[in-house]
C-alpha cells in the first residue's frame, strides 16, 4: 500500500474516532470523496480491504488504523 493511502486512512480513522468515539465503524469508501477522482487509489484500497484482508463492509476505525499502522 502506498504511503499516501496509508496516511489518508490513518487521518480519516483519527477524525472519525475523535468525533464519534472508539466504537465508530467505517467502510473503505470513507477515505474518498463522493466522486471518483482517483480510481487507481480507490481500487488499491478496495483490493487491500476486500481481497487481501477479507474485511466486512463496515469495520471499527480502531481496527483499520491498527492494521494500517502495522504495515509501516
PDB file of N, CA and C in Angstrom:
ATOM      1  N   UNK A   1       0.850  -1.176   0.000  1.00  0.00           N
ATOM      2  CA  UNK A   1       0.000   0.000   0.000  1.00  0.00           C
ATOM      3  C   UNK A   1       0.893   1.236   0.000  1.00  0.00           C
ATOM      4  N   UNK A   2       0.588   2.152  -0.904  1.00  0.00           N
ATOM      5  CA  UNK A   2       1.420   3.361  -0.996  1.00  0.00           C
ATOM      6  C   UNK A   2       1.266   4.251   0.232  1.00  0.00           C
ATOM      7  N   UNK A   3       2.303   4.994   0.517  1.00  0.00           N
ATOM      8  CA  UNK A   3       2.367   5.830   1.726  1.00  0.00           C
ATOM      9  C   UNK A   3       1.241   6.855   1.789  1.00  0.00           C
ATOM     10  N   UNK A   4       0.854   7.415   0.650  1.00  0.00           N
ATOM     11  CA  UNK A   4      -0.211   8.430   0.666  1.00  0.00           C
ATOM     12  C   UNK A   4      -1.544   7.826   1.104  1.00  0.00           C
ATOM     13  N   UNK A   5      -1.812   6.602   0.706  1.00  0.00           N
ATOM     14  CA  UNK A   5      -3.053   5.939   1.113  1.00  0.00           C
ATOM     15  C   UNK A   5      -3.005   5.600   2.598  1.00  0.00           C
ATOM     16  N   UNK A   6      -1.882   5.100   3.068  1.00  0.00           N
ATOM     17  CA  UNK A   6      -1.737   4.809   4.499  1.00  0.00           C
ATOM     18  C   UNK A   6      -2.008   6.055   5.333  1.00  0.00           C
ATOM     19  N   UNK A   7      -1.385   7.162   4.929  1.00  0.00           N
ATOM     20  CA  UNK A   7      -1.549   8.421   5.659  1.00  0.00           C
ATOM     21  C   UNK A   7      -3.005   8.862   5.663  1.00  0.00           C
ATOM     22  N   UNK A   8      -3.652   8.766   4.515  1.00  0.00           N
ATOM     23  CA  UNK A   8      -5.049   9.164   4.391  1.00  0.00           C
ATOM     24  C   UNK A   8      -5.952   8.307   5.287  1.00  0.00           C
ATOM     25  N   UNK A   9      -5.740   7.007   5.283  1.00  0.00           N
ATOM     26  CA  UNK A   9      -6.549   6.098   6.105  1.00  0.00           C
ATOM     27  C   UNK A   9      -6.385   6.430   7.577  1.00  0.00           C
ATOM     28  N   UNK A  10      -5.158   6.613   8.029  1.00  0.00           N
ATOM     29  CA  UNK A  10      -4.910   6.920   9.434  1.00  0.00           C
ATOM     30  C   UNK A  10      -5.554   8.249   9.821  1.00  0.00           C
ATOM     31  N   UNK A  11      -5.438   9.254   8.969  1.00  0.00           N
ATOM     32  CA  UNK A  11      -6.047  10.565   9.256  1.00  0.00           C
ATOM     33  C   UNK A  11      -7.560  10.466   9.354  1.00  0.00           C
ATOM     34  N   UNK A  12      -8.190   9.751   8.425  1.00  0.00           N
ATOM     35  CA  UNK A  12      -9.648   9.597   8.453  1.00  0.00           C
ATOM     36  C   UNK A  12     -10.078   8.824   9.692  1.00  0.00           C
ATOM     37  N   UNK A  13      -9.370   7.757  10.009  1.00  0.00           N
ATOM     38  CA  UNK A  13      -9.691   6.981  11.214  1.00  0.00           C
ATOM     39  C   UNK A  13      -9.571   7.853  12.458  1.00  0.00           C
ATOM     40  N   UNK A  14      -8.508   8.630  12.559  1.00  0.00           N
ATOM     41  CA  UNK A  14      -8.335   9.524  13.716  1.00  0.00           C
ATOM     42  C   UNK A  14      -9.495  10.506  13.831  1.00  0.00           C
ATOM     43  N   UNK A  15      -9.888  11.108  12.706  1.00  0.00           N
ATOM     44  CA  UNK A  15     -11.004  12.074  12.718  1.00  0.00           C
ATOM     45  C   UNK A  15     -12.304  11.420  13.148  1.00  0.00           C
ATOM     46  N   UNK A  16     -12.587  10.254  12.607  1.00  0.00           N
ATOM     47  CA  UNK A  16     -13.826   9.544  12.936  1.00  0.00           C
ATOM     48  C   UNK A  16     -13.845   9.133  14.408  1.00  0.00           C
ATOM     49  N   UNK A  17     -12.718   8.613  14.900  1.00  0.00           N
ATOM     50  CA  UNK A  17     -12.632   8.197  16.305  1.00  0.00           C
ATOM     51  C   UNK A  17     -12.804   9.400  17.218  1.00  0.00           C
ATOM     52  N   UNK A  18     -12.157  10.509  16.865  1.00  0.00           N
ATOM     53  CA  UNK A  18     -12.261  11.717  17.688  1.00  0.00           C
ATOM     54  C   UNK A  18     -13.684  12.267  17.714  1.00  0.00           C
ATOM     55  N   UNK A  19     -14.371  12.236  16.584  1.00  0.00           N
ATOM     56  CA  UNK A  19     -15.705  12.830  16.526  1.00  0.00           C
ATOM     57  C   UNK A  19     -16.817  11.897  16.999  1.00  0.00           C
ATOM     58  N   UNK A  20     -16.644  10.577  16.813  1.00  0.00           N
ATOM     59  CA  UNK A  20     -17.741   9.648  17.124  1.00  0.00           C
ATOM     60  C   UNK A  20     -17.402   8.585  18.161  1.00  0.00           C
ATOM     61  N   UNK A  21     -16.156   8.538  18.609  1.00  0.00           N
ATOM     62  CA  UNK A  21     -15.776   7.578  19.626  1.00  0.00           C
ATOM     63  C   UNK A  21     -15.105   6.334  19.068  1.00  0.00           C
ATOM     64  N   UNK A  22     -14.530   5.552  19.968  1.00  0.00           N
ATOM     65  CA  UNK A  22     -13.726   4.389  19.587  1.00  0.00           C
ATOM     66  C   UNK A  22     -14.541   3.281  18.924  1.00  0.00           C
ATOM     67  N   UNK A  23     -15.848   3.281  19.091  1.00  0.00           N
ATOM     68  CA  UNK A  23     -16.677   2.228  18.514  1.00  0.00           C
ATOM     69  C   UNK A  23     -17.158   2.512  17.101  1.00  0.00           C
ATOM     70  N   UNK A  24     -16.726   3.624  16.517  1.00  0.00           N
ATOM     71  CA  UNK A  24     -17.220   4.003  15.195  1.00  0.00           C
ATOM     72  C   UNK A  24     -16.740   3.030  14.121  1.00  0.00           C
ATOM     73  N   UNK A  25     -17.652   2.702  13.222  1.00  0.00           N
ATOM     74  CA  UNK A  25     -17.312   1.847  12.100  1.00  0.00           C
ATOM     75  C   UNK A  25     -17.223   2.651  10.823  1.00  0.00           C
ATOM     76  N   UNK A  26     -16.517   2.105   9.850  1.00  0.00           N
ATOM     77  CA  UNK A  26     -16.420   2.759   8.550  1.00  0.00           C
ATOM     78  C   UNK A  26     -16.141   1.735   7.478  1.00  0.00           C
ATOM     79  N   UNK A  27     -16.346   2.146   6.228  1.00  0.00           N
ATOM     80  CA  UNK A  27     -16.006   1.308   5.091  1.00  0.00           C
ATOM     81  C   UNK A  27     -14.856   1.971   4.343  1.00  0.00           C
ATOM     82  N   UNK A  28     -14.294   1.297   3.365  1.00  0.00           N
ATOM     83  CA  UNK A  28     -13.170   1.888   2.644  1.00  0.00           C
ATOM     84  C   UNK A  28     -13.598   3.103   1.837  1.00  0.00           C
ATOM     85  N   UNK A  29     -14.889   3.252   1.594  1.00  0.00           N
ATOM     86  CA  UNK A  29     -15.384   4.445   0.899  1.00  0.00           C
ATOM     87  C   UNK A  29     -15.193   5.706   1.736  1.00  0.00           C
ATOM     88  N   UNK A  30     -15.020   5.569   3.039  1.00  0.00           N
ATOM     89  CA  UNK A  30     -14.834   6.736   3.920  1.00  0.00           C
ATOM     90  C   UNK A  30     -13.556   7.506   3.583  1.00  0.00           C
ATOM     91  N   UNK A  31     -12.663   6.890   2.860  1.00  0.00           N
ATOM     92  CA  UNK A  31     -11.379   7.521   2.546  1.00  0.00           C
ATOM     93  C   UNK A  31     -11.410   8.313   1.240  1.00  0.00           C
ATOM     94  N   UNK A  32     -12.598   8.392   0.620  1.00  0.00           N
ATOM     95  CA  UNK A  32     -12.712   9.027  -0.685  1.00  0.00           C
ATOM     96  C   UNK A  32     -13.906   9.969  -0.737  1.00  0.00           C
ATOM     97  N   UNK A  33     -13.830  10.941  -1.626  1.00  0.00           N
ATOM     98  CA  UNK A  33     -14.944  11.859  -1.870  1.00  0.00           C
ATOM     99  C   UNK A  33     -16.047  11.095  -2.594  1.00  0.00           C
ATOM    100  N   UNK A  34     -17.204  11.694  -2.686  1.00  0.00           N
ATOM    101  CA  UNK A  34     -18.329  11.042  -3.356  1.00  0.00           C
ATOM    102  C   UNK A  34     -18.159  10.962  -4.874  1.00  0.00           C
ATOM    103  N   UNK A  35     -17.129  11.604  -5.393  1.00  0.00           N
ATOM    104  CA  UNK A  35     -16.863  11.474  -6.821  1.00  0.00           C
ATOM    105  C   UNK A  35     -15.613  10.629  -7.014  1.00  0.00           C
ATOM    106  N   UNK A  36     -15.538   9.977  -8.121  1.00  0.00           N
ATOM    107  CA  UNK A  36     -14.442   9.057  -8.400  1.00  0.00           C
ATOM    108  C   UNK A  36     -13.285   9.825  -9.047  1.00  0.00           C
ATOM    109  N   UNK A  37     -12.549  10.580  -8.229  1.00  0.00           N
ATOM    110  CA  UNK A  37     -11.476  11.420  -8.759  1.00  0.00           C
ATOM    111  C   UNK A  37     -10.113  10.738  -8.779  1.00  0.00           C
ATOM    112  N   UNK A  38      -9.984   9.570  -8.157  1.00  0.00           N
ATOM    113  CA  UNK A  38      -8.729   8.819  -8.181  1.00  0.00           C
ATOM    114  C   UNK A  38      -9.045   7.321  -8.189  1.00  0.00           C
ATOM    115  N   UNK A  39      -9.476   6.794  -9.334  1.00  0.00           N
ATOM    116  CA  UNK A  39      -9.901   5.395  -9.392  1.00  0.00           C
ATOM    117  C   UNK A  39      -8.812   4.387  -9.029  1.00  0.00           C
ATOM    118  N   UNK A  40      -7.565   4.692  -9.346  1.00  0.00           N
ATOM    119  CA  UNK A  40      -6.485   3.757  -9.013  1.00  0.00           C
ATOM    120  C   UNK A  40      -6.308   3.637  -7.504  1.00  0.00           C
ATOM    121  N   UNK A  41      -6.394   4.755  -6.791  1.00  0.00           N
ATOM    122  CA  UNK A  41      -6.260   4.734  -5.336  1.00  0.00           C
ATOM    123  C   UNK A  41      -7.456   4.029  -4.704  1.00  0.00           C
ATOM    124  N   UNK A  42      -8.646   4.280  -5.235  1.00  0.00           N
ATOM    125  CA  UNK A  42      -9.848   3.608  -4.751  1.00  0.00           C
ATOM    126  C   UNK A  42      -9.721   2.098  -4.923  1.00  0.00           C
ATOM    127  N   UNK A  43      -9.233   1.659  -6.065  1.00  0.00           N
ATOM    128  CA  UNK A  43      -9.074   0.222  -6.301  1.00  0.00           C
ATOM    129  C   UNK A  43      -7.993  -0.378  -5.400  1.00  0.00           C
ATOM    130  N   UNK A  44      -6.967   0.385  -5.120  1.00  0.00           N
ATOM    131  CA  UNK A  44      -5.924  -0.094  -4.201  1.00  0.00           C
ATOM    132  C   UNK A  44      -6.506  -0.320  -2.808  1.00  0.00           C
ATOM    133  N   UNK A  45      -7.318   0.630  -2.353  1.00  0.00           N
ATOM    134  CA  UNK A  45      -7.965   0.500  -1.040  1.00  0.00           C
ATOM    135  C   UNK A  45      -8.933  -0.679  -1.036  1.00  0.00           C
ATOM    136  N   UNK A  46      -9.708  -0.816  -2.101  1.00  0.00           N
ATOM    137  CA  UNK A  46     -10.665  -1.923  -2.197  1.00  0.00           C
ATOM    138  C   UNK A  46      -9.945  -3.271  -2.210  1.00  0.00           C
ATOM    139  N   UNK A  47      -8.864  -3.364  -2.954  1.00  0.00           N
ATOM    140  CA  UNK A  47      -8.072  -4.596  -3.010  1.00  0.00           C
ATOM    141  C   UNK A  47      -7.579  -4.979  -1.620  1.00  0.00           C
ATOM    142  N   UNK A  48      -7.008  -4.020  -0.902  1.00  0.00           N
ATOM    143  CA  UNK A  48      -6.485  -4.273   0.436  1.00  0.00           C
ATOM    144  C   UNK A  48      -7.613  -4.688   1.380  1.00  0.00           C
ATOM    145  N   UNK A  49      -8.733  -3.963   1.324  1.00  0.00           N
ATOM    146  CA  UNK A  49      -9.855  -4.178   2.241  1.00  0.00           C
ATOM    147  C   UNK A  49     -10.569  -5.500   1.958  1.00  0.00           C
ATOM    148  N   UNK A  50     -10.952  -5.708   0.705  1.00  0.00           N
ATOM    149  CA  UNK A  50     -11.815  -6.834   0.350  1.00  0.00           C
ATOM    150  C   UNK A  50     -11.027  -8.103   0.035  1.00  0.00           C
ATOM    151  N   UNK A  51     -10.087  -8.000  -0.849  1.00  0.00           N
ATOM    152  CA  UNK A  51      -9.394  -9.205  -1.332  1.00  0.00           C
ATOM    153  C   UNK A  51      -8.271  -9.654  -0.403  1.00  0.00           C
ATOM    154  N   UNK A  52      -7.434  -8.698   0.024  1.00  0.00           N
ATOM    155  CA  UNK A  52      -6.277  -9.069   0.837  1.00  0.00           C
ATOM    156  C   UNK A  52      -6.657  -9.439   2.269  1.00  0.00           C
ATOM    157  N   UNK A  53      -7.604  -8.706   2.866  1.00  0.00           N
ATOM    158  CA  UNK A  53      -7.914  -8.895   4.286  1.00  0.00           C
ATOM    159  C   UNK A  53      -9.296  -9.471   4.563  1.00  0.00           C
ATOM    160  N   UNK A  54     -10.112  -9.620   3.526  1.00  0.00           N
ATOM    161  CA  UNK A  54     -11.446 -10.226   3.669  1.00  0.00           C
ATOM    162  C   UNK A  54     -12.279  -9.534   4.764  1.00  0.00           C
ATOM    163  N   UNK A  55     -12.202  -8.201   4.808  1.00  0.00           N
ATOM    164  CA  UNK A  55     -12.922  -7.442   5.824  1.00  0.00           C
ATOM    165  C   UNK A  55     -14.391  -7.298   5.458  1.00  0.00           C
ATOM    166  N   UNK A  56     -15.238  -7.133   6.476  1.00  0.00           N
ATOM    167  CA  UNK A  56     -16.651  -6.850   6.259  1.00  0.00           C
ATOM    168  C   UNK A  56     -16.795  -5.452   5.680  1.00  0.00           C
ATOM    169  N   UNK A  57     -17.999  -5.153   5.199  1.00  0.00           N
ATOM    170  CA  UNK A  57     -18.220  -3.821   4.610  1.00  0.00           C
ATOM    171  C   UNK A  57     -17.898  -2.717   5.617  1.00  0.00           C
ATOM    172  N   UNK A  58     -18.381  -2.860   6.849  1.00  0.00           N
ATOM    173  CA  UNK A  58     -18.062  -1.899   7.908  1.00  0.00           C
ATOM    174  C   UNK A  58     -17.180  -2.572   8.951  1.00  0.00           C
ATOM    175  N   UNK A  59     -16.130  -1.858   9.339  1.00  0.00           N
ATOM    176  CA  UNK A  59     -15.205  -2.319  10.382  1.00  0.00           C
ATOM    177  C   UNK A  59     -14.930  -1.166  11.340  1.00  0.00           C
ATOM    178  N   UNK A  60     -14.502  -1.487  12.529  1.00  0.00           N
ATOM    179  CA  UNK A  60     -14.152  -0.456  13.515  1.00  0.00           C
ATOM    180  C   UNK A  60     -12.944   0.343  13.016  1.00  0.00           C
ATOM    181  N   UNK A  61     -13.028   1.645  13.158  1.00  0.00           N
ATOM    182  CA  UNK A  61     -11.930   2.521  12.734  1.00  0.00           C
ATOM    183  C   UNK A  61     -10.656   2.203  13.500  1.00  0.00           C
ATOM    184  N   UNK A  62     -10.788   1.820  14.768  1.00  0.00           N
ATOM    185  CA  UNK A  62      -9.604   1.487  15.566  1.00  0.00           C
ATOM    186  C   UNK A  62      -8.891   0.262  14.992  1.00  0.00           C
ATOM    187  N   UNK A  63      -9.663  -0.712  14.520  1.00  0.00           N
ATOM    188  CA  UNK A  63      -9.086  -1.926  13.925  1.00  0.00           C
ATOM    189  C   UNK A  63      -8.354  -1.589  12.629  1.00  0.00           C
ATOM    190  N   UNK A  64      -8.992  -0.799  11.777  1.00  0.00           N
ATOM    191  CA  UNK A  64      -8.384  -0.434  10.494  1.00  0.00           C
ATOM    192  C   UNK A  64      -7.103   0.371  10.725  1.00  0.00           C
ATOM    193  N   UNK A  65      -7.159   1.324  11.641  1.00  0.00           N
ATOM    194  CA  UNK A  65      -5.973   2.143  11.940  1.00  0.00           C
ATOM    195  C   UNK A  65      -4.821   1.251  12.396  1.00  0.00           C
ATOM    196  N   UNK A  66      -5.091   0.318  13.308  1.00  0.00           N
ATOM    197  CA  UNK A  66      -4.051  -0.579  13.807  1.00  0.00           C
ATOM    198  C   UNK A  66      -3.469  -1.449  12.694  1.00  0.00           C
ATOM    199  N   UNK A  67      -4.333  -1.929  11.797  1.00  0.00           N
ATOM    200  CA  UNK A  67      -3.860  -2.764  10.691  1.00  0.00           C
ATOM    201  C   UNK A  67      -2.937  -1.975   9.759  1.00  0.00           C
ATOM    202  N   UNK A  68      -3.322  -0.738   9.459  1.00  0.00           N
ATOM    203  CA  UNK A  68      -2.515   0.090   8.565  1.00  0.00           C
ATOM    204  C   UNK A  68      -1.212   0.498   9.232  1.00  0.00           C
ATOM    205  N   UNK A  69      -1.275   0.831  10.507  1.00  0.00           N
ATOM    206  CA  UNK A  69      -0.030   1.197  11.231  1.00  0.00           C
ATOM    207  C   UNK A  69       0.931   0.026  11.283  1.00  0.00           C
ATOM    208  N   UNK A  70       0.426  -1.201  11.324  1.00  0.00           N
ATOM    209  CA  UNK A  70       1.287  -2.378  11.350  1.00  0.00           C
ATOM    210  C   UNK A  70       2.014  -2.589  10.020  1.00  0.00           C
ATOM    211  N   UNK A  71       1.525  -1.960   8.965  1.00  0.00           N
ATOM    212  CA  UNK A  71       2.160  -2.072   7.646  1.00  0.00           C
ATOM    213  C   UNK A  71       3.418  -1.221   7.531  1.00  0.00           C
ATOM    214  N   UNK A  72       3.597  -0.299   8.427  1.00  0.00           N
ATOM    215  CA  UNK A  72       4.721   0.646   8.320  1.00  0.00           C
ATOM    216  C   UNK A  72       6.046  -0.008   8.459  1.00  0.00           C
TER     217      UNK A  72
END
